[in-house]
Amino acid sequence: MSETRGRPPSVFDRAFLTGVEGVTEVLLIRHGQQDVDVNGAVGQLFDPPLSERGRQQAHLLGLALSTTHVDAVYASPLERAFETARAVTKHHDLEPAVVADLREVEVFRDVPPDETVEQHFGKELLAGVRHRMLTERVWDVYPESEPSAEFRKRAINAVEAAIAAHAGERIAIVCHGGVINAYVGHLVGSPYDMFFRPGHTSVNIVAAGGGRRVLQSLNDMHHLHTAEGHFHSY
């Protein structure tokens, strides 16, 4: 049995998975800032690369985790997440394991790729669904998009599969704000698809063990504070 400061684990250690054996630590990490024209054609919205700022964020993330032992790194196949994951793995002699189901929610996936969202739906409908998202915060408000339930199912299952493969280890999962919200929201019982806004390269920590999952930290961006300034973005 593991001990915490020379004593056996307390009831709170067991409840919150601190100081006990066999716990998997999961670092859920959002990708760096992407280079995208939000008013451009739908086709370029789905898989943009990192921006210059995003590459700097990924670099700082990699440095911050360079002295932390990591057993495996999983990544979404989308370029912004994979590139961010590579900034982590290069410090650990690892390669990112790509999992298709870690990709972001596919909003407007059935819109023709050469059209803009406004061209396809019209200004009024687009304003209406954006207002609904502002207040309801569920992906189902967007027409011609991946359903909320389908997205949550695939995202949560993908994270759980990674946990099952790494009992008692530390893993990093580099993915997207929607995926992080789906999994953490599932743990805390949030009714929203987006209940908080993860910053770019933010680190969110979940402990898994004994059949339980415990959120231990949320939206940590300390690595983006430098002597030259801060590199936060959302």
C-alpha atoms as a PDB file:
ATOM      1  CA  MET A   1       0.000   0.000   0.000  1.00  0.00           C
ATOM      2  CA  SER A   2       1.256   3.449  -0.908  1.00  0.00           C
ATOM      3  CA  GLU A   3       1.695   5.930   1.913  1.00  0.00           C
ATOM      4  CA  THR A   4       1.215   9.684   1.979  1.00  0.00           C
ATOM      5  CA  ARG A   5       3.753  11.509   4.143  1.00  0.00           C
ATOM      6  CA  GLY A   6       4.498   8.368   6.128  1.00  0.00           C
ATOM      7  CA  ARG A   7       0.894   7.341   6.792  1.00  0.00           C
ATOM      8  CA  PRO A   8      -1.554   4.987   5.087  1.00  0.00           C
ATOM      9  CA  PRO A   9      -3.956   6.617   2.648  1.00  0.00           C
ATOM     10  CA  SER A  10      -6.907   8.278   4.343  1.00  0.00           C
ATOM     11  CA  VAL A  11     -10.531   8.066   3.283  1.00  0.00           C
ATOM     12  CA  PHE A  12     -10.013  11.313   1.334  1.00  0.00           C
ATOM     13  CA  ASP A  13      -6.921   9.903  -0.369  1.00  0.00           C
ATOM     14  CA  ARG A  14      -9.001   6.946  -1.494  1.00  0.00           C
ATOM     15  CA  ALA A  15     -11.945   9.144  -2.482  1.00  0.00           C
ATOM     16  CA  PHE A  16      -9.825  11.522  -4.557  1.00  0.00           C
ATOM     17  CA  LEU A  17      -7.119   9.055  -5.671  1.00  0.00           C
ATOM     18  CA  THR A  18      -4.199  10.780  -3.947  1.00  0.00           C
ATOM     19  CA  GLY A  19      -1.406   8.704  -2.439  1.00  0.00           C
ATOM     20  CA  VAL A  20      -2.838   5.338  -3.527  1.00  0.00           C
ATOM     21  CA  GLU A  21      -1.397   2.654  -5.777  1.00  0.00           C
ATOM     22  CA  GLY A  22      -2.362   1.808  -9.329  1.00  0.00           C
ATOM     23  CA  VAL A  23      -3.666   5.245 -10.324  1.00  0.00           C
ATOM     24  CA  THR A  24      -3.380   6.388 -13.924  1.00  0.00           C
ATOM     25  CA  GLU A  25      -2.713  10.104 -14.358  1.00  0.00           C
ATOM     26  CA  VAL A  26      -4.246  11.531 -17.511  1.00  0.00           C
ATOM     27  CA  LEU A  27      -3.067  14.861 -18.876  1.00  0.00           C
ATOM     28  CA  LEU A  28      -5.795  16.146 -21.188  1.00  0.00           C
ATOM     29  CA  ILE A  29      -4.120  18.850 -23.278  1.00  0.00           C
ATOM     30  CA  ARG A  30      -5.657  21.182 -25.807  1.00  0.00           C
ATOM     31  CA  HIS A  31      -3.667  21.904 -28.967  1.00  0.00           C
ATOM     32  CA  GLY A  32      -1.924  25.221 -29.605  1.00  0.00           C
ATOM     33  CA  GLN A  33      -3.559  28.124 -31.401  1.00  0.00           C
ATOM     34  CA  GLN A  34      -4.515  27.305 -34.988  1.00  0.00           C
ATOM     35  CA  ASP A  35      -4.021  29.417 -38.116  1.00  0.00           C
ATOM     36  CA  VAL A  36      -7.533  29.698 -39.523  1.00  0.00           C
ATOM     37  CA  ASP A  37      -9.876  32.230 -41.112  1.00  0.00           C
ATOM     38  CA  VAL A  38     -13.111  31.777 -39.154  1.00  0.00           C
ATOM     39  CA  ASN A  39     -15.028  33.574 -41.923  1.00  0.00           C
ATOM     40  CA  GLY A  40     -13.515  31.510 -44.709  1.00  0.00           C
ATOM     41  CA  ALA A  41     -14.793  28.442 -46.566  1.00  0.00           C
ATOM     42  CA  VAL A  42     -15.900  25.531 -44.411  1.00  0.00           C
ATOM     43  CA  GLY A  43     -13.300  23.196 -45.892  1.00  0.00           C
ATOM     44  CA  GLN A  44     -10.384  25.059 -44.313  1.00  0.00           C
ATOM     45  CA  LEU A  45     -11.976  25.127 -40.859  1.00  0.00           C
ATOM     46  CA  PHE A  46     -11.585  21.449 -40.051  1.00  0.00           C
ATOM     47  CA  ASP A  47      -7.835  20.826 -40.107  1.00  0.00           C
ATOM     48  CA  PRO A  48      -5.776  24.025 -39.957  1.00  0.00           C
ATOM     49  CA  PRO A  49      -2.120  24.001 -38.855  1.00  0.00           C
ATOM     50  CA  LEU A  50      -0.747  25.773 -35.823  1.00  0.00           C
ATOM     51  CA  SER A  51      -0.183  29.497 -36.055  1.00  0.00           C
ATOM     52  CA  GLU A  52       3.176  31.011 -35.153  1.00  0.00           C
ATOM     53  CA  ARG A  53       1.812  31.694 -31.662  1.00  0.00           C
ATOM     54  CA  GLY A  54       0.509  28.130 -31.499  1.00  0.00           C
ATOM     55  CA  ARG A  55       3.950  26.731 -32.291  1.00  0.00           C
ATOM     56  CA  GLN A  56       5.419  28.863 -29.512  1.00  0.00           C
ATOM     57  CA  GLN A  57       2.746  27.589 -27.111  1.00  0.00           C
ATOM     58  CA  ALA A  58       3.513  23.992 -28.090  1.00  0.00           C
ATOM     59  CA  HIS A  59       7.228  24.618 -27.560  1.00  0.00           C
ATOM     60  CA  LEU A  60       6.591  25.992 -24.064  1.00  0.00           C
ATOM     61  CA  LEU A  61       4.320  23.062 -23.258  1.00  0.00           C
ATOM     62  CA  GLY A  62       6.997  20.602 -24.328  1.00  0.00           C
ATOM     63  CA  LEU A  63       9.600  22.319 -22.159  1.00  0.00           C
ATOM     64  CA  ALA A  64       7.245  22.339 -19.172  1.00  0.00           C
ATOM     65  CA  LEU A  65       6.646  18.590 -19.472  1.00  0.00           C
ATOM     66  CA  SER A  66      10.234  17.694 -20.369  1.00  0.00           C
ATOM     67  CA  THR A  67      11.126  16.852 -16.757  1.00  0.00           C
ATOM     68  CA  THR A  68       7.879  14.973 -16.052  1.00  0.00           C
ATOM     69  CA  HIS A  69       7.899  11.261 -16.788  1.00  0.00           C
ATOM     70  CA  VAL A  70       5.313  10.411 -19.438  1.00  0.00           C
ATOM     71  CA  ASP A  71       4.649   6.805 -20.451  1.00  0.00           C
ATOM     72  CA  ALA A  72       2.614   7.450 -23.593  1.00  0.00           C
ATOM     73  CA  VAL A  73       1.234  10.314 -25.665  1.00  0.00           C
ATOM     74  CA  TYR A  74      -2.008  10.047 -27.628  1.00  0.00           C
ATOM     75  CA  ALA A  75      -3.102  12.573 -30.238  1.00  0.00           C
ATOM     76  CA  SER A  76      -5.990  13.546 -32.427  1.00  0.00           C
ATOM     77  CA  PRO A  77      -5.160  13.055 -36.123  1.00  0.00           C
ATOM     78  CA  LEU A  78      -5.843  16.735 -36.838  1.00  0.00           C
ATOM     79  CA  GLU A  79      -2.681  18.665 -37.639  1.00  0.00           C
ATOM     80  CA  ARG A  80      -2.910  21.225 -34.822  1.00  0.00           C
ATOM     81  CA  ALA A  81      -3.164  18.484 -32.185  1.00  0.00           C
ATOM     82  CA  PHE A  82      -0.583  16.165 -33.730  1.00  0.00           C
ATOM     83  CA  GLU A  83       1.947  18.984 -34.068  1.00  0.00           C
ATOM     84  CA  THR A  84       1.374  19.949 -30.426  1.00  0.00           C
ATOM     85  CA  ALA A  85       1.820  16.314 -29.371  1.00  0.00           C
ATOM     86  CA  ARG A  86       5.126  16.132 -31.243  1.00  0.00           C
ATOM     87  CA  ALA A  87       6.386  19.071 -29.175  1.00  0.00           C
ATOM     88  CA  VAL A  88       5.829  16.874 -26.099  1.00  0.00           C
ATOM     89  CA  THR A  89       7.081  13.525 -27.403  1.00  0.00           C
ATOM     90  CA  LYS A  90      10.399  14.877 -28.660  1.00  0.00           C
ATOM     91  CA  HIS A  91      11.482  15.261 -25.022  1.00  0.00           C
ATOM     92  CA  HIS A  92      10.537  11.682 -24.116  1.00  0.00           C
ATOM     93  CA  ASP A  93      11.763   9.469 -26.988  1.00  0.00           C
ATOM     94  CA  LEU A  94       8.147   8.696 -27.893  1.00  0.00           C
ATOM     95  CA  GLU A  95       5.893   9.025 -30.918  1.00  0.00           C
ATOM     96  CA  PRO A  96       2.274  10.171 -30.637  1.00  0.00           C
ATOM     97  CA  ALA A  97      -0.270   7.372 -30.961  1.00  0.00           C
ATOM     98  CA  VAL A  98      -2.947   8.761 -33.286  1.00  0.00           C
ATOM     99  CA  VAL A  99      -6.562   7.983 -32.371  1.00  0.00           C
ATOM    100  CA  ALA A 100      -9.179   9.071 -34.912  1.00  0.00           C
ATOM    101  CA  ASP A 101     -11.934   9.372 -32.305  1.00  0.00           C
ATOM    102  CA  LEU A 102      -9.993  12.104 -30.474  1.00  0.00           C
ATOM    103  CA  ARG A 103     -10.703  14.537 -33.331  1.00  0.00           C
ATOM    104  CA  GLU A 104     -12.762  17.638 -32.614  1.00  0.00           C
ATOM    105  CA  VAL A 105     -16.545  17.709 -32.876  1.00  0.00           C
ATOM    106  CA  GLU A 106     -17.450  18.058 -36.543  1.00  0.00           C
ATOM    107  CA  VAL A 107     -19.526  21.216 -36.618  1.00  0.00           C
ATOM    108  CA  PHE A 108     -20.975  21.983 -40.086  1.00  0.00           C
ATOM    109  CA  ARG A 109     -19.471  18.767 -41.461  1.00  0.00           C
ATOM    110  CA  ASP A 110     -22.218  18.365 -44.079  1.00  0.00           C
ATOM    111  CA  VAL A 111     -21.849  21.893 -45.493  1.00  0.00           C
ATOM    112  CA  PRO A 112     -20.146  21.954 -48.933  1.00  0.00           C
ATOM    113  CA  PRO A 113     -16.426  22.633 -48.288  1.00  0.00           C
ATOM    114  CA  ASP A 114     -16.185  25.502 -50.787  1.00  0.00           C
ATOM    115  CA  GLU A 115     -18.962  27.526 -49.141  1.00  0.00           C
ATOM    116  CA  THR A 116     -18.781  29.752 -46.092  1.00  0.00           C
ATOM    117  CA  VAL A 117     -21.150  29.042 -43.227  1.00  0.00           C
ATOM    118  CA  GLU A 118     -22.931  32.352 -43.815  1.00  0.00           C
ATOM    119  CA  GLN A 119     -23.372  31.631 -47.517  1.00  0.00           C
ATOM    120  CA  HIS A 120     -24.870  28.242 -46.787  1.00  0.00           C
ATOM    121  CA  PHE A 121     -27.248  29.111 -43.950  1.00  0.00           C
ATOM    122  CA  GLY A 122     -27.770  32.846 -44.331  1.00  0.00           C
ATOM    123  CA  LYS A 123     -26.893  35.584 -41.865  1.00  0.00           C
ATOM    124  CA  GLU A 124     -30.130  35.370 -39.860  1.00  0.00           C
ATOM    125  CA  LEU A 125     -30.106  31.601 -39.241  1.00  0.00           C
ATOM    126  CA  LEU A 126     -26.408  31.706 -38.377  1.00  0.00           C
ATOM    127  CA  ALA A 127     -27.045  34.502 -35.861  1.00  0.00           C
ATOM    128  CA  GLY A 128     -29.892  32.485 -34.391  1.00  0.00           C
ATOM    129  CA  VAL A 129     -27.922  29.290 -33.844  1.00  0.00           C
ATOM    130  CA  ARG A 130     -24.976  31.232 -32.437  1.00  0.00           C
ATOM    131  CA  HIS A 131     -27.334  32.830 -29.925  1.00  0.00           C
ATOM    132  CA  ARG A 132     -28.619  29.376 -29.001  1.00  0.00           C
ATOM    133  CA  MET A 133     -25.048  28.130 -28.486  1.00  0.00           C
ATOM    134  CA  LEU A 134     -24.348  31.124 -26.272  1.00  0.00           C
ATOM    135  CA  THR A 135     -27.185  30.193 -23.935  1.00  0.00           C
ATOM    136  CA  GLU A 136     -27.640  26.420 -24.384  1.00  0.00           C
ATOM    137  CA  ARG A 137     -24.019  25.351 -25.033  1.00  0.00           C
ATOM    138  CA  VAL A 138     -24.827  22.094 -26.825  1.00  0.00           C
ATOM    139  CA  TRP A 139     -23.526  21.107 -30.269  1.00  0.00           C
ATOM    140  CA  ASP A 140     -26.987  20.036 -31.405  1.00  0.00           C
ATOM    141  CA  VAL A 141     -27.998  23.655 -31.980  1.00  0.00           C
ATOM    142  CA  TYR A 142     -25.839  23.654 -35.144  1.00  0.00           C
ATOM    143  CA  PRO A 143     -27.533  22.204 -38.247  1.00  0.00           C
ATOM    144  CA  GLU A 144     -25.698  19.781 -40.557  1.00  0.00           C
ATOM    145  CA  SER A 145     -23.230  18.860 -37.789  1.00  0.00           C
ATOM    146  CA  GLU A 146     -22.170  15.824 -35.766  1.00  0.00           C
ATOM    147  CA  PRO A 147     -24.821  15.070 -33.105  1.00  0.00           C
ATOM    148  CA  SER A 148     -23.842  15.782 -29.509  1.00  0.00           C
ATOM    149  CA  ALA A 149     -24.521  12.235 -28.303  1.00  0.00           C
ATOM    150  CA  GLU A 150     -22.418  10.652 -31.052  1.00  0.00           C
ATOM    151  CA  PHE A 151     -19.544  13.006 -30.381  1.00  0.00           C
ATOM    152  CA  ARG A 152     -19.611  12.444 -26.638  1.00  0.00           C
ATOM    153  CA  LYS A 153     -19.732   8.684 -27.073  1.00  0.00           C
ATOM    154  CA  ARG A 154     -16.675   8.517 -29.330  1.00  0.00           C
ATOM    155  CA  ALA A 155     -14.646  11.072 -27.351  1.00  0.00           C
ATOM    156  CA  ILE A 156     -15.288   9.516 -23.941  1.00  0.00           C
ATOM    157  CA  ASN A 157     -14.668   5.995 -25.235  1.00  0.00           C
ATOM    158  CA  ALA A 158     -11.369   7.069 -26.809  1.00  0.00           C
ATOM    159  CA  VAL A 159     -10.104   8.484 -23.507  1.00  0.00           C
ATOM    160  CA  GLU A 160     -11.283   5.440 -21.580  1.00  0.00           C
ATOM    161  CA  ALA A 161      -9.500   3.112 -24.017  1.00  0.00           C
ATOM    162  CA  ALA A 162      -6.227   4.975 -23.427  1.00  0.00           C
ATOM    163  CA  ILE A 163      -6.710   4.714 -19.657  1.00  0.00           C
ATOM    164  CA  ALA A 164      -7.374   0.975 -19.916  1.00  0.00           C
ATOM    165  CA  ALA A 165      -4.056   0.499 -21.737  1.00  0.00           C
ATOM    166  CA  HIS A 166      -1.977   2.280 -19.068  1.00  0.00           C
ATOM    167  CA  ALA A 167      -2.939   1.226 -15.543  1.00  0.00           C
ATOM    168  CA  GLY A 168      -0.789   3.010 -12.988  1.00  0.00           C
ATOM    169  CA  GLU A 169       1.021   5.145 -15.580  1.00  0.00           C
ATOM    170  CA  ARG A 170       0.999   8.777 -16.711  1.00  0.00           C
ATOM    171  CA  ILE A 171      -0.329   9.526 -20.180  1.00  0.00           C
ATOM    172  CA  ALA A 172      -0.863  12.700 -22.171  1.00  0.00           C
ATOM    173  CA  ILE A 173      -3.813  13.034 -24.546  1.00  0.00           C
ATOM    174  CA  VAL A 174      -3.426  15.977 -26.916  1.00  0.00           C
ATOM    175  CA  CYS A 175      -6.777  16.814 -28.439  1.00  0.00           C
ATOM    176  CA  HIS A 176      -9.378  19.593 -28.578  1.00  0.00           C
ATOM    177  CA  GLY A 177     -11.537  21.810 -26.414  1.00  0.00           C
ATOM    178  CA  GLY A 178     -14.675  19.899 -27.338  1.00  0.00           C
ATOM    179  CA  VAL A 179     -13.111  16.536 -26.493  1.00  0.00           C
ATOM    180  CA  ILE A 180     -11.834  17.798 -23.150  1.00  0.00           C
ATOM    181  CA  ASN A 181     -15.250  19.225 -22.314  1.00  0.00           C
ATOM    182  CA  ALA A 182     -16.953  15.974 -23.329  1.00  0.00           C
ATOM    183  CA  TYR A 183     -14.782  13.869 -21.039  1.00  0.00           C
ATOM    184  CA  VAL A 184     -14.514  16.206 -18.055  1.00  0.00           C
ATOM    185  CA  GLY A 185     -18.170  17.172 -18.380  1.00  0.00           C
ATOM    186  CA  HIS A 186     -19.019  13.456 -18.233  1.00  0.00           C
ATOM    187  CA  LEU A 187     -17.049  13.153 -14.978  1.00  0.00           C
ATOM    188  CA  VAL A 188     -18.620  16.145 -13.251  1.00  0.00           C
ATOM    189  CA  GLY A 189     -22.128  15.643 -14.623  1.00  0.00           C
ATOM    190  CA  SER A 190     -22.307  18.853 -16.637  1.00  0.00           C
ATOM    191  CA  PRO A 191     -25.438  19.229 -18.793  1.00  0.00           C
ATOM    192  CA  TYR A 192     -23.458  21.331 -21.292  1.00  0.00           C
ATOM    193  CA  ASP A 193     -21.310  20.157 -24.199  1.00  0.00           C
ATOM    194  CA  MET A 194     -19.032  23.135 -23.400  1.00  0.00           C
ATOM    195  CA  PHE A 195     -19.051  24.014 -19.712  1.00  0.00           C
ATOM    196  CA  PHE A 196     -15.653  25.757 -19.694  1.00  0.00           C
ATOM    197  CA  ARG A 197     -13.244  27.123 -22.287  1.00  0.00           C
ATOM    198  CA  PRO A 198      -9.840  25.405 -22.290  1.00  0.00           C
ATOM    199  CA  GLY A 199      -6.972  27.689 -23.246  1.00  0.00           C
ATOM    200  CA  HIS A 200      -4.562  26.673 -25.993  1.00  0.00           C
ATOM    201  CA  THR A 201      -2.106  24.051 -24.637  1.00  0.00           C
ATOM    202  CA  SER A 202      -3.886  24.095 -21.277  1.00  0.00           C
ATOM    203  CA  VAL A 203      -3.302  20.996 -19.126  1.00  0.00           C
ATOM    204  CA  ASN A 204      -6.234  19.322 -17.381  1.00  0.00           C
ATOM    205  CA  ILE A 205      -5.504  16.399 -15.056  1.00  0.00           C
ATOM    206  CA  VAL A 206      -7.735  13.416 -14.326  1.00  0.00           C
ATOM    207  CA  ALA A 207      -6.846  10.514 -12.008  1.00  0.00           C
ATOM    208  CA  ALA A 208      -8.229   7.077 -12.843  1.00  0.00           C
ATOM    209  CA  GLY A 209      -8.176   4.036 -10.589  1.00  0.00           C
ATOM    210  CA  GLY A 210     -10.283   1.656  -8.568  1.00  0.00           C
ATOM    211  CA  GLY A 211     -13.141   2.059 -11.037  1.00  0.00           C
ATOM    212  CA  ARG A 212     -13.325   5.806 -10.382  1.00  0.00           C
ATOM    213  CA  ARG A 213     -12.324   8.961 -12.236  1.00  0.00           C
ATOM    214  CA  VAL A 214     -11.401  12.152 -10.391  1.00  0.00           C
ATOM    215  CA  LEU A 215     -10.779  15.624 -11.822  1.00  0.00           C
ATOM    216  CA  GLN A 216      -7.650  16.990 -10.138  1.00  0.00           C
ATOM    217  CA  SER A 217      -6.899  20.214 -12.015  1.00  0.00           C
ATOM    218  CA  LEU A 218      -8.445  22.317 -14.759  1.00  0.00           C
ATOM    219  CA  ASN A 219      -7.120  24.720 -17.408  1.00  0.00           C
ATOM    220  CA  ASP A 220      -3.538  25.034 -16.143  1.00  0.00           C
ATOM    221  CA  MET A 221      -1.602  27.450 -18.382  1.00  0.00           C
ATOM    222  CA  HIS A 222       1.321  28.353 -16.118  1.00  0.00           C
ATOM    223  CA  HIS A 223       3.784  27.186 -18.758  1.00  0.00           C
ATOM    224  CA  LEU A 224       2.671  30.082 -20.972  1.00  0.00           C
ATOM    225  CA  HIS A 225       4.003  32.693 -18.523  1.00  0.00           C
ATOM    226  CA  THR A 226       7.559  33.612 -19.507  1.00  0.00           C
ATOM    227  CA  ALA A 227      10.045  36.376 -18.867  1.00  0.00           C
ATOM    228  CA  GLU A 228       9.156  37.754 -22.315  1.00  0.00           C
ATOM    229  CA  GLY A 229       5.437  37.905 -21.482  1.00  0.00           C
ATOM    230  CA  HIS A 230       2.513  35.513 -21.550  1.00  0.00           C
ATOM    231  CA  PHE A 231       1.332  33.498 -24.525  1.00  0.00           C
ATOM    232  CA  HIS A 232      -2.289  32.813 -23.546  1.00  0.00           C
ATOM    233  CA  SER A 233      -4.987  32.477 -26.161  1.00  0.00           C
ATOM    234  CA  TYR A 234      -8.321  30.743 -26.550  1.00  0.00           C
END
